[in-house]
Every structure is written in C-alpha cells, then in structure tokens.
Amino acid sequence: MPMISVKTNTPISEDDELELKELLGKAIEILPGKTENWLMLNFEANQRLWFRGDNSKPLAYVEVSALGSISPADAEKLTAEICDILKIVRGIDGSGVYVKYEETDKWGYNSTNF
C-alpha cells in the first residue's frame, strides 16, 4: 500500500506525468513487497516551493508513505532512484529534492484496514 506524492515548482506535462508514473512504478519495487499494483501517485505541479531562501531553481518535495517499516538501506536506495527520476524527467537536481518517509501499521482500503 504505498503512496508517493510529488510536489514541484516546475510544470508537469501529461507526457512527463506518464513517464513519472512508469518510472516511480518500477522504483517502488525497491521496497520489499511493494509493487505498482498497489501504488497510488499524486503530482502537484507549479507549487510555491522555496529552498535556502530561493525559489528560482527547480525543486521537489516527495512523500513516500507505506504500510509497514522501511529499512534505512531501502530508503537510501529509493531516495537515490527518486532523485535520478526527477533529474531525468523534470531536470531537478538531487540537491533540490527532499524525500520524506512515512511508515504506518494501519492502512485502509475498500472499506477495511490491512
């Protein structure tokens, strides 16, 4: 039950969104037991993001939420992959990307909880 939400101060075209969907769908498999089959994605373009007092460079804030725990090693790998994806698709350098991880033991879906 993973969810990846991407906020960026850049525009995201329909083609970019489809490419991000595809690449993040593959990247989520870095986390054991997670697949695109259960992945929900959210993209928010043209956000008013500032970093180090500056908003003139491409930036992204990414939240990765998952049922269960995420090991530090897997989080490290996924962060690197997310940064690579954002660089390739949106030209956002990793130095302008924050990735936040949320772990939970409760996740609701289809009127019930896992």
PDB file of N, CA and C in Angstrom:
ATOM      1  N   MET A   1       0.818  -1.190   0.000  1.00  0.00           N
ATOM      2  CA  MET A   1       0.000   0.000   0.000  1.00  0.00           C
ATOM      3  C   MET A   1       0.858   1.249   0.000  1.00  0.00           C
ATOM      4  N   PRO A   2       1.701   1.414  -0.946  1.00  0.00           N
ATOM      5  CA  PRO A   2       2.494   2.640  -0.945  1.00  0.00           C
ATOM      6  C   PRO A   2       1.781   3.796  -1.641  1.00  0.00           C
ATOM      7  N   MET A   3       2.186   4.988  -1.261  1.00  0.00           N
ATOM      8  CA  MET A   3       1.710   6.231  -1.869  1.00  0.00           C
ATOM      9  C   MET A   3       2.920   7.122  -2.059  1.00  0.00           C
ATOM     10  N   ILE A   4       3.075   7.664  -3.245  1.00  0.00           N
ATOM     11  CA  ILE A   4       4.139   8.635  -3.499  1.00  0.00           C
ATOM     12  C   ILE A   4       3.484   9.916  -3.981  1.00  0.00           C
ATOM     13  N   SER A   5       3.782  11.001  -3.285  1.00  0.00           N
ATOM     14  CA  SER A   5       3.268  12.317  -3.642  1.00  0.00           C
ATOM     15  C   SER A   5       4.454  13.209  -4.001  1.00  0.00           C
ATOM     16  N   VAL A   6       4.365  13.839  -5.163  1.00  0.00           N
ATOM     17  CA  VAL A   6       5.444  14.703  -5.644  1.00  0.00           C
ATOM     18  C   VAL A   6       4.914  16.119  -5.803  1.00  0.00           C
ATOM     19  N   LYS A   7       5.526  17.053  -5.088  1.00  0.00           N
ATOM     20  CA  LYS A   7       5.227  18.473  -5.251  1.00  0.00           C
ATOM     21  C   LYS A   7       6.464  19.108  -5.873  1.00  0.00           C
ATOM     22  N   THR A   8       6.258  19.899  -6.907  1.00  0.00           N
ATOM     23  CA  THR A   8       7.383  20.562  -7.552  1.00  0.00           C
ATOM     24  C   THR A   8       6.989  21.968  -7.979  1.00  0.00           C
ATOM     25  N   ASN A   9       7.984  22.818  -8.089  1.00  0.00           N
ATOM     26  CA  ASN A   9       7.719  24.173  -8.548  1.00  0.00           C
ATOM     27  C   ASN A   9       7.837  24.280 -10.070  1.00  0.00           C
ATOM     28  N   THR A  10       7.944  23.156 -10.742  1.00  0.00           N
ATOM     29  CA  THR A  10       8.019  23.129 -12.201  1.00  0.00           C
ATOM     30  C   THR A  10       6.681  22.647 -12.761  1.00  0.00           C
ATOM     31  N   PRO A  11       6.416  22.939 -14.019  1.00  0.00           N
ATOM     32  CA  PRO A  11       5.226  22.360 -14.645  1.00  0.00           C
ATOM     33  C   PRO A  11       5.444  20.881 -14.911  1.00  0.00           C
ATOM     34  N   ILE A  12       4.370  20.130 -14.990  1.00  0.00           N
ATOM     35  CA  ILE A  12       4.442  18.710 -15.340  1.00  0.00           C
ATOM     36  C   ILE A  12       3.470  18.482 -16.494  1.00  0.00           C
ATOM     37  N   SER A  13       4.010  18.185 -17.657  1.00  0.00           N
ATOM     38  CA  SER A  13       3.158  17.912 -18.811  1.00  0.00           C
ATOM     39  C   SER A  13       2.525  16.536 -18.656  1.00  0.00           C
ATOM     40  N   GLU A  14       1.549  16.250 -19.498  1.00  0.00           N
ATOM     41  CA  GLU A  14       0.917  14.932 -19.468  1.00  0.00           C
ATOM     42  C   GLU A  14       1.939  13.844 -19.781  1.00  0.00           C
ATOM     43  N   ASP A  15       2.837  14.109 -20.737  1.00  0.00           N
ATOM     44  CA  ASP A  15       3.887  13.137 -21.066  1.00  0.00           C
ATOM     45  C   ASP A  15       4.829  12.919 -19.886  1.00  0.00           C
ATOM     46  N   ASP A  16       5.194  14.017 -19.199  1.00  0.00           N
ATOM     47  CA  ASP A  16       6.057  13.895 -18.013  1.00  0.00           C
ATOM     48  C   ASP A  16       5.363  13.073 -16.937  1.00  0.00           C
ATOM     49  N   GLU A  17       4.082  13.326 -16.739  1.00  0.00           N
ATOM     50  CA  GLU A  17       3.331  12.600 -15.711  1.00  0.00           C
ATOM     51  C   GLU A  17       3.308  11.104 -16.012  1.00  0.00           C
ATOM     52  N   LEU A  18       3.097  10.756 -17.254  1.00  0.00           N
ATOM     53  CA  LEU A  18       3.094   9.342 -17.622  1.00  0.00           C
ATOM     54  C   LEU A  18       4.466   8.711 -17.427  1.00  0.00           C
ATOM     55  N   GLU A  19       5.522   9.457 -17.755  1.00  0.00           N
ATOM     56  CA  GLU A  19       6.870   8.925 -17.554  1.00  0.00           C
ATOM     57  C   GLU A  19       7.192   8.793 -16.066  1.00  0.00           C
ATOM     58  N   LEU A  20       6.797   9.785 -15.277  1.00  0.00           N
ATOM     59  CA  LEU A  20       6.991   9.700 -13.825  1.00  0.00           C
ATOM     60  C   LEU A  20       6.235   8.506 -13.255  1.00  0.00           C
ATOM     61  N   LYS A  21       4.993   8.304 -13.705  1.00  0.00           N
ATOM     62  CA  LYS A  21       4.192   7.179 -13.244  1.00  0.00           C
ATOM     63  C   LYS A  21       4.885   5.855 -13.530  1.00  0.00           C
ATOM     64  N   GLU A  22       5.399   5.733 -14.731  1.00  0.00           N
ATOM     65  CA  GLU A  22       6.060   4.491 -15.123  1.00  0.00           C
ATOM     66  C   GLU A  22       7.340   4.260 -14.313  1.00  0.00           C
ATOM     67  N   LEU A  23       8.160   5.276 -14.207  1.00  0.00           N
ATOM     68  CA  LEU A  23       9.443   5.120 -13.520  1.00  0.00           C
ATOM     69  C   LEU A  23       9.271   4.938 -12.012  1.00  0.00           C
ATOM     70  N   LEU A  24       8.358   5.683 -11.402  1.00  0.00           N
ATOM     71  CA  LEU A  24       8.105   5.509  -9.968  1.00  0.00           C
ATOM     72  C   LEU A  24       7.444   4.166  -9.692  1.00  0.00           C
ATOM     73  N   GLY A  25       6.638   3.685 -10.648  1.00  0.00           N
ATOM     74  CA  GLY A  25       6.032   2.359 -10.521  1.00  0.00           C
ATOM     75  C   GLY A  25       7.076   1.258 -10.453  1.00  0.00           C
ATOM     76  N   LYS A  26       8.166   1.435 -11.176  1.00  0.00           N
ATOM     77  CA  LYS A  26       9.272   0.477 -11.109  1.00  0.00           C
ATOM     78  C   LYS A  26      10.107   0.695  -9.851  1.00  0.00           C
ATOM     79  N   ALA A  27      10.328   1.953  -9.505  1.00  0.00           N
ATOM     80  CA  ALA A  27      11.180   2.280  -8.360  1.00  0.00           C
ATOM     81  C   ALA A  27      10.611   1.767  -7.043  1.00  0.00           C
ATOM     82  N   ILE A  28       9.285   1.746  -6.906  1.00  0.00           N
ATOM     83  CA  ILE A  28       8.682   1.319  -5.637  1.00  0.00           C
ATOM     84  C   ILE A  28       9.040  -0.117  -5.307  1.00  0.00           C
ATOM     85  N   GLU A  29       9.411  -0.889  -6.315  1.00  0.00           N
ATOM     86  CA  GLU A  29       9.795  -2.281  -6.077  1.00  0.00           C
ATOM     87  C   GLU A  29      11.090  -2.409  -5.287  1.00  0.00           C
ATOM     88  N   ILE A  30      11.799  -1.305  -5.095  1.00  0.00           N
ATOM     89  CA  ILE A  30      12.974  -1.301  -4.212  1.00  0.00           C
ATOM     90  C   ILE A  30      12.558  -1.688  -2.799  1.00  0.00           C
ATOM     91  N   LEU A  31      11.346  -1.301  -2.418  1.00  0.00           N
ATOM     92  CA  LEU A  31      10.836  -1.645  -1.088  1.00  0.00           C
ATOM     93  C   LEU A  31      10.256  -3.055  -1.146  1.00  0.00           C
ATOM     94  N   PRO A  32      10.745  -3.955  -0.325  1.00  0.00           N
ATOM     95  CA  PRO A  32      10.261  -5.348  -0.351  1.00  0.00           C
ATOM     96  C   PRO A  32       8.745  -5.438  -0.226  1.00  0.00           C
ATOM     97  N   GLY A  33       8.148  -6.209  -1.116  1.00  0.00           N
ATOM     98  CA  GLY A  33       6.714  -6.442  -1.081  1.00  0.00           C
ATOM     99  C   GLY A  33       5.869  -5.346  -1.707  1.00  0.00           C
ATOM    100  N   LYS A  34       6.485  -4.282  -2.200  1.00  0.00           N
ATOM    101  CA  LYS A  34       5.719  -3.178  -2.788  1.00  0.00           C
ATOM    102  C   LYS A  34       5.797  -3.264  -4.311  1.00  0.00           C
ATOM    103  N   THR A  35       4.650  -3.036  -4.953  1.00  0.00           N
ATOM    104  CA  THR A  35       4.596  -3.068  -6.415  1.00  0.00           C
ATOM    105  C   THR A  35       3.694  -1.941  -6.914  1.00  0.00           C
ATOM    106  N   GLU A  36       3.773  -1.710  -8.217  1.00  0.00           N
ATOM    107  CA  GLU A  36       2.928  -0.694  -8.841  1.00  0.00           C
ATOM    108  C   GLU A  36       1.448  -1.067  -8.728  1.00  0.00           C
ATOM    109  N   ASN A  37       1.150  -2.358  -8.573  1.00  0.00           N
ATOM    110  CA  ASN A  37      -0.246  -2.792  -8.465  1.00  0.00           C
ATOM    111  C   ASN A  37      -0.984  -2.121  -7.318  1.00  0.00           C
ATOM    112  N   TRP A  38      -0.269  -1.740  -6.267  1.00  0.00           N
ATOM    113  CA  TRP A  38      -0.888  -1.098  -5.114  1.00  0.00           C
ATOM    114  C   TRP A  38      -0.444   0.348  -4.937  1.00  0.00           C
ATOM    115  N   LEU A  39       0.352   0.855  -5.857  1.00  0.00           N
ATOM    116  CA  LEU A  39       0.914   2.197  -5.727  1.00  0.00           C
ATOM    117  C   LEU A  39      -0.095   3.261  -6.145  1.00  0.00           C
ATOM    118  N   MET A  40      -0.289   4.243  -5.276  1.00  0.00           N
ATOM    119  CA  MET A  40      -1.067   5.426  -5.625  1.00  0.00           C
ATOM    120  C   MET A  40      -0.080   6.575  -5.763  1.00  0.00           C
ATOM    121  N   LEU A  41      -0.310   7.417  -6.758  1.00  0.00           N
ATOM    122  CA  LEU A  41       0.580   8.547  -7.025  1.00  0.00           C
ATOM    123  C   LEU A  41      -0.205   9.853  -7.024  1.00  0.00           C
ATOM    124  N   ASN A  42       0.464  10.916  -6.619  1.00  0.00           N
ATOM    125  CA  ASN A  42      -0.112  12.257  -6.660  1.00  0.00           C
ATOM    126  C   ASN A  42       0.969  13.198  -7.173  1.00  0.00           C
ATOM    127  N   PHE A  43       0.625  14.024  -8.153  1.00  0.00           N
ATOM    128  CA  PHE A  43       1.565  15.008  -8.688  1.00  0.00           C
ATOM    129  C   PHE A  43       0.956  16.395  -8.549  1.00  0.00           C
ATOM    130  N   GLU A  44       1.720  17.291  -7.950  1.00  0.00           N
ATOM    131  CA  GLU A  44       1.296  18.676  -7.795  1.00  0.00           C
ATOM    132  C   GLU A  44       2.368  19.558  -8.416  1.00  0.00           C
ATOM    133  N   ALA A  45       2.042  20.146  -9.564  1.00  0.00           N
ATOM    134  CA  ALA A  45       2.986  20.985 -10.303  1.00  0.00           C
ATOM    135  C   ALA A  45       2.815  22.451  -9.919  1.00  0.00           C
ATOM    136  N   ASN A  46       3.816  23.231 -10.308  1.00  0.00           N
ATOM    137  CA  ASN A  46       3.773  24.693 -10.146  1.00  0.00           C
ATOM    138  C   ASN A  46       3.503  25.136  -8.712  1.00  0.00           C
ATOM    139  N   GLN A  47       4.063  24.405  -7.735  1.00  0.00           N
ATOM    140  CA  GLN A  47       3.902  24.754  -6.322  1.00  0.00           C
ATOM    141  C   GLN A  47       4.869  25.880  -5.954  1.00  0.00           C
ATOM    142  N   ARG A  48       4.536  26.600  -4.932  1.00  0.00           N
ATOM    143  CA  ARG A  48       5.380  27.716  -4.487  1.00  0.00           C
ATOM    144  C   ARG A  48       6.377  27.188  -3.458  1.00  0.00           C
ATOM    145  N   LEU A  49       7.423  26.530  -3.943  1.00  0.00           N
ATOM    146  CA  LEU A  49       8.455  25.965  -3.085  1.00  0.00           C
ATOM    147  C   LEU A  49       9.665  26.888  -3.022  1.00  0.00           C
ATOM    148  N   TRP A  50      10.213  27.000  -1.839  1.00  0.00           N
ATOM    149  CA  TRP A  50      11.427  27.779  -1.607  1.00  0.00           C
ATOM    150  C   TRP A  50      12.424  26.879  -0.895  1.00  0.00           C
ATOM    151  N   PHE A  51      13.693  27.010  -1.217  1.00  0.00           N
ATOM    152  CA  PHE A  51      14.750  26.266  -0.532  1.00  0.00           C
ATOM    153  C   PHE A  51      15.956  27.172  -0.403  1.00  0.00           C
ATOM    154  N   ARG A  52      16.458  27.290   0.824  1.00  0.00           N
ATOM    155  CA  ARG A  52      17.583  28.170   1.124  1.00  0.00           C
ATOM    156  C   ARG A  52      17.293  29.619   0.719  1.00  0.00           C
ATOM    157  N   GLY A  53      16.044  30.020   0.888  1.00  0.00           N
ATOM    158  CA  GLY A  53      15.647  31.388   0.585  1.00  0.00           C
ATOM    159  C   GLY A  53      15.509  31.687  -0.893  1.00  0.00           C
ATOM    160  N   ASP A  54      15.484  30.657  -1.719  1.00  0.00           N
ATOM    161  CA  ASP A  54      15.460  30.842  -3.172  1.00  0.00           C
ATOM    162  C   ASP A  54      14.368  29.989  -3.795  1.00  0.00           C
ATOM    163  N   ASN A  55      13.675  30.540  -4.761  1.00  0.00           N
ATOM    164  CA  ASN A  55      12.673  29.756  -5.486  1.00  0.00           C
ATOM    165  C   ASN A  55      12.917  29.784  -6.994  1.00  0.00           C
ATOM    166  N   SER A  56      14.121  30.164  -7.393  1.00  0.00           N
ATOM    167  CA  SER A  56      14.414  30.312  -8.825  1.00  0.00           C
ATOM    168  C   SER A  56      14.899  29.019  -9.484  1.00  0.00           C
ATOM    169  N   LYS A  57      15.185  27.998  -8.695  1.00  0.00           N
ATOM    170  CA  LYS A  57      15.669  26.733  -9.239  1.00  0.00           C
ATOM    171  C   LYS A  57      14.583  25.665  -9.135  1.00  0.00           C
ATOM    172  N   PRO A  58      14.632  24.660 -10.006  1.00  0.00           N
ATOM    173  CA  PRO A  58      13.661  23.561  -9.903  1.00  0.00           C
ATOM    174  C   PRO A  58      13.814  22.817  -8.574  1.00  0.00           C
ATOM    175  N   LEU A  59      12.707  22.618  -7.891  1.00  0.00           N
ATOM    176  CA  LEU A  59      12.687  21.958  -6.587  1.00  0.00           C
ATOM    177  C   LEU A  59      11.581  20.907  -6.555  1.00  0.00           C
ATOM    178  N   ALA A  60      11.741  19.943  -5.655  1.00  0.00           N
ATOM    179  CA  ALA A  60      10.691  18.944  -5.452  1.00  0.00           C
ATOM    180  C   ALA A  60      10.686  18.472  -4.008  1.00  0.00           C
ATOM    181  N   TYR A  61       9.488  18.257  -3.502  1.00  0.00           N
ATOM    182  CA  TYR A  61       9.282  17.663  -2.184  1.00  0.00           C
ATOM    183  C   TYR A  61       8.470  16.398  -2.419  1.00  0.00           C
ATOM    184  N   VAL A  62       9.009  15.266  -1.989  1.00  0.00           N
ATOM    185  CA  VAL A  62       8.400  13.969  -2.260  1.00  0.00           C
ATOM    186  C   VAL A  62       8.082  13.285  -0.932  1.00  0.00           C
ATOM    187  N   GLU A  63       6.867  12.760  -0.824  1.00  0.00           N
ATOM    188  CA  GLU A  63       6.482  11.966   0.339  1.00  0.00           C
ATOM    189  C   GLU A  63       6.232  10.536  -0.102  1.00  0.00           C
ATOM    190  N   VAL A  64       6.856   9.599   0.605  1.00  0.00           N
ATOM    191  CA  VAL A  64       6.663   8.180   0.357  1.00  0.00           C
ATOM    192  C   VAL A  64       6.015   7.599   1.612  1.00  0.00           C
ATOM    193  N   SER A  65       4.794   7.112   1.474  1.00  0.00           N
ATOM    194  CA  SER A  65       4.083   6.502   2.599  1.00  0.00           C
ATOM    195  C   SER A  65       3.918   5.020   2.308  1.00  0.00           C
ATOM    196  N   ALA A  66       4.053   4.204   3.352  1.00  0.00           N
ATOM    197  CA  ALA A  66       3.958   2.757   3.139  1.00  0.00           C
ATOM    198  C   ALA A  66       3.431   2.056   4.381  1.00  0.00           C
ATOM    199  N   LEU A  67       2.721   0.967   4.136  1.00  0.00           N
ATOM    200  CA  LEU A  67       2.290   0.072   5.200  1.00  0.00           C
ATOM    201  C   LEU A  67       3.500  -0.738   5.638  1.00  0.00           C
ATOM    202  N   GLY A  68       3.783  -0.735   6.918  1.00  0.00           N
ATOM    203  CA  GLY A  68       4.939  -1.466   7.435  1.00  0.00           C
ATOM    204  C   GLY A  68       6.163  -0.580   7.531  1.00  0.00           C
ATOM    205  N   SER A  69       7.278  -1.200   7.835  1.00  0.00           N
ATOM    206  CA  SER A  69       8.509  -0.436   8.037  1.00  0.00           C
ATOM    207  C   SER A  69       9.356  -0.433   6.766  1.00  0.00           C
ATOM    208  N   ILE A  70      10.192   0.574   6.673  1.00  0.00           N
ATOM    209  CA  ILE A  70      11.118   0.738   5.555  1.00  0.00           C
ATOM    210  C   ILE A  70      12.521   0.760   6.147  1.00  0.00           C
ATOM    211  N   SER A  71      13.364  -0.141   5.704  1.00  0.00           N
ATOM    212  CA  SER A  71      14.719  -0.176   6.249  1.00  0.00           C
ATOM    213  C   SER A  71      15.499   1.049   5.776  1.00  0.00           C
ATOM    214  N   PRO A  72      16.455   1.495   6.568  1.00  0.00           N
ATOM    215  CA  PRO A  72      17.293   2.630   6.149  1.00  0.00           C
ATOM    216  C   PRO A  72      17.995   2.375   4.814  1.00  0.00           C
ATOM    217  N   ALA A  73      18.447   1.159   4.570  1.00  0.00           N
ATOM    218  CA  ALA A  73      19.132   0.843   3.312  1.00  0.00           C
ATOM    219  C   ALA A  73      18.174   0.954   2.130  1.00  0.00           C
ATOM    220  N   ASP A  74      16.946   0.460   2.288  1.00  0.00           N
ATOM    221  CA  ASP A  74      15.966   0.555   1.207  1.00  0.00           C
ATOM    222  C   ASP A  74      15.546   2.005   0.974  1.00  0.00           C
ATOM    223  N   ALA A  75      15.397   2.771   2.040  1.00  0.00           N
ATOM    224  CA  ALA A  75      15.061   4.189   1.901  1.00  0.00           C
ATOM    225  C   ALA A  75      16.173   4.924   1.162  1.00  0.00           C
ATOM    226  N   GLU A  76      17.415   4.601   1.475  1.00  0.00           N
ATOM    227  CA  GLU A  76      18.566   5.216   0.805  1.00  0.00           C
ATOM    228  C   GLU A  76      18.536   4.923  -0.700  1.00  0.00           C
ATOM    229  N   LYS A  77      18.259   3.683  -1.059  1.00  0.00           N
ATOM    230  CA  LYS A  77      18.191   3.291  -2.473  1.00  0.00           C
ATOM    231  C   LYS A  77      17.030   3.992  -3.186  1.00  0.00           C
ATOM    232  N   LEU A  78      15.875   4.038  -2.520  1.00  0.00           N
ATOM    233  CA  LEU A  78      14.711   4.660  -3.139  1.00  0.00           C
ATOM    234  C   LEU A  78      14.905   6.166  -3.292  1.00  0.00           C
ATOM    235  N   THR A  79      15.503   6.805  -2.305  1.00  0.00           N
ATOM    236  CA  THR A  79      15.785   8.231  -2.418  1.00  0.00           C
ATOM    237  C   THR A  79      16.674   8.506  -3.626  1.00  0.00           C
ATOM    238  N   ALA A  80      17.728   7.712  -3.790  1.00  0.00           N
ATOM    239  CA  ALA A  80      18.622   7.885  -4.937  1.00  0.00           C
ATOM    240  C   ALA A  80      17.867   7.709  -6.249  1.00  0.00           C
ATOM    241  N   GLU A  81      16.998   6.700  -6.299  1.00  0.00           N
ATOM    242  CA  GLU A  81      16.240   6.436  -7.526  1.00  0.00           C
ATOM    243  C   GLU A  81      15.250   7.561  -7.806  1.00  0.00           C
ATOM    244  N   ILE A  82      14.566   8.057  -6.786  1.00  0.00           N
ATOM    245  CA  ILE A  82      13.625   9.161  -6.955  1.00  0.00           C
ATOM    246  C   ILE A  82      14.370  10.398  -7.474  1.00  0.00           C
ATOM    247  N   CYS A  83      15.524  10.686  -6.912  1.00  0.00           N
ATOM    248  CA  CYS A  83      16.310  11.836  -7.369  1.00  0.00           C
ATOM    249  C   CYS A  83      16.744  11.655  -8.824  1.00  0.00           C
ATOM    250  N   ASP A  84      17.156  10.455  -9.190  1.00  0.00           N
ATOM    251  CA  ASP A  84      17.526  10.181 -10.583  1.00  0.00           C
ATOM    252  C   ASP A  84      16.336  10.397 -11.518  1.00  0.00           C
ATOM    253  N   ILE A  85      15.173   9.910 -11.114  1.00  0.00           N
ATOM    254  CA  ILE A  85      13.962  10.039 -11.932  1.00  0.00           C
ATOM    255  C   ILE A  85      13.605  11.510 -12.127  1.00  0.00           C
ATOM    256  N   LEU A  86      13.635  12.281 -11.054  1.00  0.00           N
ATOM    257  CA  LEU A  86      13.289  13.700 -11.157  1.00  0.00           C
ATOM    258  C   LEU A  86      14.296  14.470 -12.001  1.00  0.00           C
ATOM    259  N   LYS A  87      15.552  14.073 -11.955  1.00  0.00           N
ATOM    260  CA  LYS A  87      16.579  14.697 -12.795  1.00  0.00           C
ATOM    261  C   LYS A  87      16.310  14.391 -14.266  1.00  0.00           C
ATOM    262  N   ILE A  88      16.007  13.134 -14.569  1.00  0.00           N
ATOM    263  CA  ILE A  88      15.772  12.713 -15.952  1.00  0.00           C
ATOM    264  C   ILE A  88      14.499  13.351 -16.522  1.00  0.00           C
ATOM    265  N   VAL A  89      13.412  13.300 -15.774  1.00  0.00           N
ATOM    266  CA  VAL A  89      12.114  13.716 -16.301  1.00  0.00           C
ATOM    267  C   VAL A  89      11.887  15.220 -16.195  1.00  0.00           C
ATOM    268  N   ARG A  90      12.299  15.832 -15.076  1.00  0.00           N
ATOM    269  CA  ARG A  90      11.994  17.249 -14.856  1.00  0.00           C
ATOM    270  C   ARG A  90      13.234  18.132 -14.734  1.00  0.00           C
ATOM    271  N   GLY A  91      14.420  17.557 -14.819  1.00  0.00           N
ATOM    272  CA  GLY A  91      15.636  18.362 -14.724  1.00  0.00           C
ATOM    273  C   GLY A  91      15.881  18.921 -13.336  1.00  0.00           C
ATOM    274  N   ILE A  92      15.355  18.258 -12.328  1.00  0.00           N
ATOM    275  CA  ILE A  92      15.514  18.718 -10.943  1.00  0.00           C
ATOM    276  C   ILE A  92      16.715  18.005 -10.337  1.00  0.00           C
ATOM    277  N   ASP A  93      17.748  18.757  -9.994  1.00  0.00           N
ATOM    278  CA  ASP A  93      18.939  18.189  -9.390  1.00  0.00           C
ATOM    279  C   ASP A  93      18.623  17.668  -7.992  1.00  0.00           C
ATOM    280  N   GLY A  94      19.289  16.596  -7.605  1.00  0.00           N
ATOM    281  CA  GLY A  94      19.071  15.998  -6.290  1.00  0.00           C
ATOM    282  C   GLY A  94      19.276  16.964  -5.138  1.00  0.00           C
ATOM    283  N   SER A  95      20.098  17.997  -5.339  1.00  0.00           N
ATOM    284  CA  SER A  95      20.316  18.983  -4.280  1.00  0.00           C
ATOM    285  C   SER A  95      19.104  19.884  -4.069  1.00  0.00           C
ATOM    286  N   GLY A  96      18.086  19.721  -4.926  1.00  0.00           N
ATOM    287  CA  GLY A  96      16.844  20.466  -4.777  1.00  0.00           C
ATOM    288  C   GLY A  96      15.661  19.561  -4.476  1.00  0.00           C
ATOM    289  N   VAL A  97      15.955  18.377  -3.921  1.00  0.00           N
ATOM    290  CA  VAL A  97      14.896  17.397  -3.644  1.00  0.00           C
ATOM    291  C   VAL A  97      14.946  16.969  -2.179  1.00  0.00           C
ATOM    292  N   TYR A  98      13.808  17.033  -1.526  1.00  0.00           N
ATOM    293  CA  TYR A  98      13.628  16.434  -0.201  1.00  0.00           C
ATOM    294  C   TYR A  98      12.704  15.234  -0.371  1.00  0.00           C
ATOM    295  N   VAL A  99      13.028  14.137   0.315  1.00  0.00           N
ATOM    296  CA  VAL A  99      12.172  12.952   0.318  1.00  0.00           C
ATOM    297  C   VAL A  99      11.855  12.611   1.768  1.00  0.00           C
ATOM    298  N   LYS A 100      10.572  12.545   2.072  1.00  0.00           N
ATOM    299  CA  LYS A 100      10.106  12.225   3.425  1.00  0.00           C
ATOM    300  C   LYS A 100       9.454  10.845   3.404  1.00  0.00           C
ATOM    301  N   TYR A 101       9.750  10.034   4.400  1.00  0.00           N
ATOM    302  CA  TYR A 101       9.179   8.692   4.503  1.00  0.00           C
ATOM    303  C   TYR A 101       8.211   8.628   5.674  1.00  0.00           C
ATOM    304  N   GLU A 102       7.065   8.007   5.429  1.00  0.00           N
ATOM    305  CA  GLU A 102       6.045   7.774   6.448  1.00  0.00           C
ATOM    306  C   GLU A 102       5.773   6.285   6.500  1.00  0.00           C
ATOM    307  N   GLU A 103       5.860   5.702   7.681  1.00  0.00           N
ATOM    308  CA  GLU A 103       5.560   4.282   7.873  1.00  0.00           C
ATOM    309  C   GLU A 103       4.326   4.183   8.763  1.00  0.00           C
ATOM    310  N   THR A 104       3.474   3.201   8.473  1.00  0.00           N
ATOM    311  CA  THR A 104       2.287   3.017   9.299  1.00  0.00           C
ATOM    312  C   THR A 104       1.964   1.532   9.427  1.00  0.00           C
ATOM    313  N   ASP A 105       1.307   1.180  10.513  1.00  0.00           N
ATOM    314  CA  ASP A 105       0.851  -0.194  10.670  1.00  0.00           C
ATOM    315  C   ASP A 105      -0.655  -0.291  10.395  1.00  0.00           C
ATOM    316  N   LYS A 106      -1.261   0.832  10.019  1.00  0.00           N
ATOM    317  CA  LYS A 106      -2.682   0.858   9.677  1.00  0.00           C
ATOM    318  C   LYS A 106      -2.838   1.496   8.301  1.00  0.00           C
ATOM    319  N   TRP A 107      -3.574   0.819   7.419  1.00  0.00           N
ATOM    320  CA  TRP A 107      -3.811   1.363   6.081  1.00  0.00           C
ATOM    321  C   TRP A 107      -5.184   0.889   5.641  1.00  0.00           C
ATOM    322  N   GLY A 108      -6.053   1.832   5.332  1.00  0.00           N
ATOM    323  CA  GLY A 108      -7.402   1.487   4.925  1.00  0.00           C
ATOM    324  C   GLY A 108      -7.535   1.418   3.417  1.00  0.00           C
ATOM    325  N   TYR A 109      -8.366   0.479   2.973  1.00  0.00           N
ATOM    326  CA  TYR A 109      -8.637   0.304   1.547  1.00  0.00           C
ATOM    327  C   TYR A 109      -9.943  -0.441   1.379  1.00  0.00           C
ATOM    328  N   ASN A 110     -10.802   0.034   0.515  1.00  0.00           N
ATOM    329  CA  ASN A 110     -12.030  -0.656   0.157  1.00  0.00           C
ATOM    330  C   ASN A 110     -12.866  -1.043   1.378  1.00  0.00           C
ATOM    331  N   SER A 111     -13.092  -0.082   2.239  1.00  0.00           N
ATOM    332  CA  SER A 111     -13.940  -0.205   3.431  1.00  0.00           C
ATOM    333  C   SER A 111     -13.379  -1.077   4.547  1.00  0.00           C
ATOM    334  N   THR A 112     -12.079  -1.385   4.491  1.00  0.00           N
ATOM    335  CA  THR A 112     -11.471  -2.186   5.553  1.00  0.00           C
ATOM    336  C   THR A 112     -10.026  -1.734   5.759  1.00  0.00           C
ATOM    337  N   ASN A 113      -9.380  -2.298   6.736  1.00  0.00           N
ATOM    338  CA  ASN A 113      -7.968  -1.980   7.003  1.00  0.00           C
ATOM    339  C   ASN A 113      -7.113  -3.220   6.881  1.00  0.00           C
ATOM    340  N   PHE A 114      -5.914  -3.011   6.462  1.00  0.00           N
ATOM    341  CA  PHE A 114      -4.942  -4.102   6.391  1.00  0.00           C
ATOM    342  C   PHE A 114      -4.270  -4.283   7.726  1.00  0.00           C
TER     343      PHE A 114
END
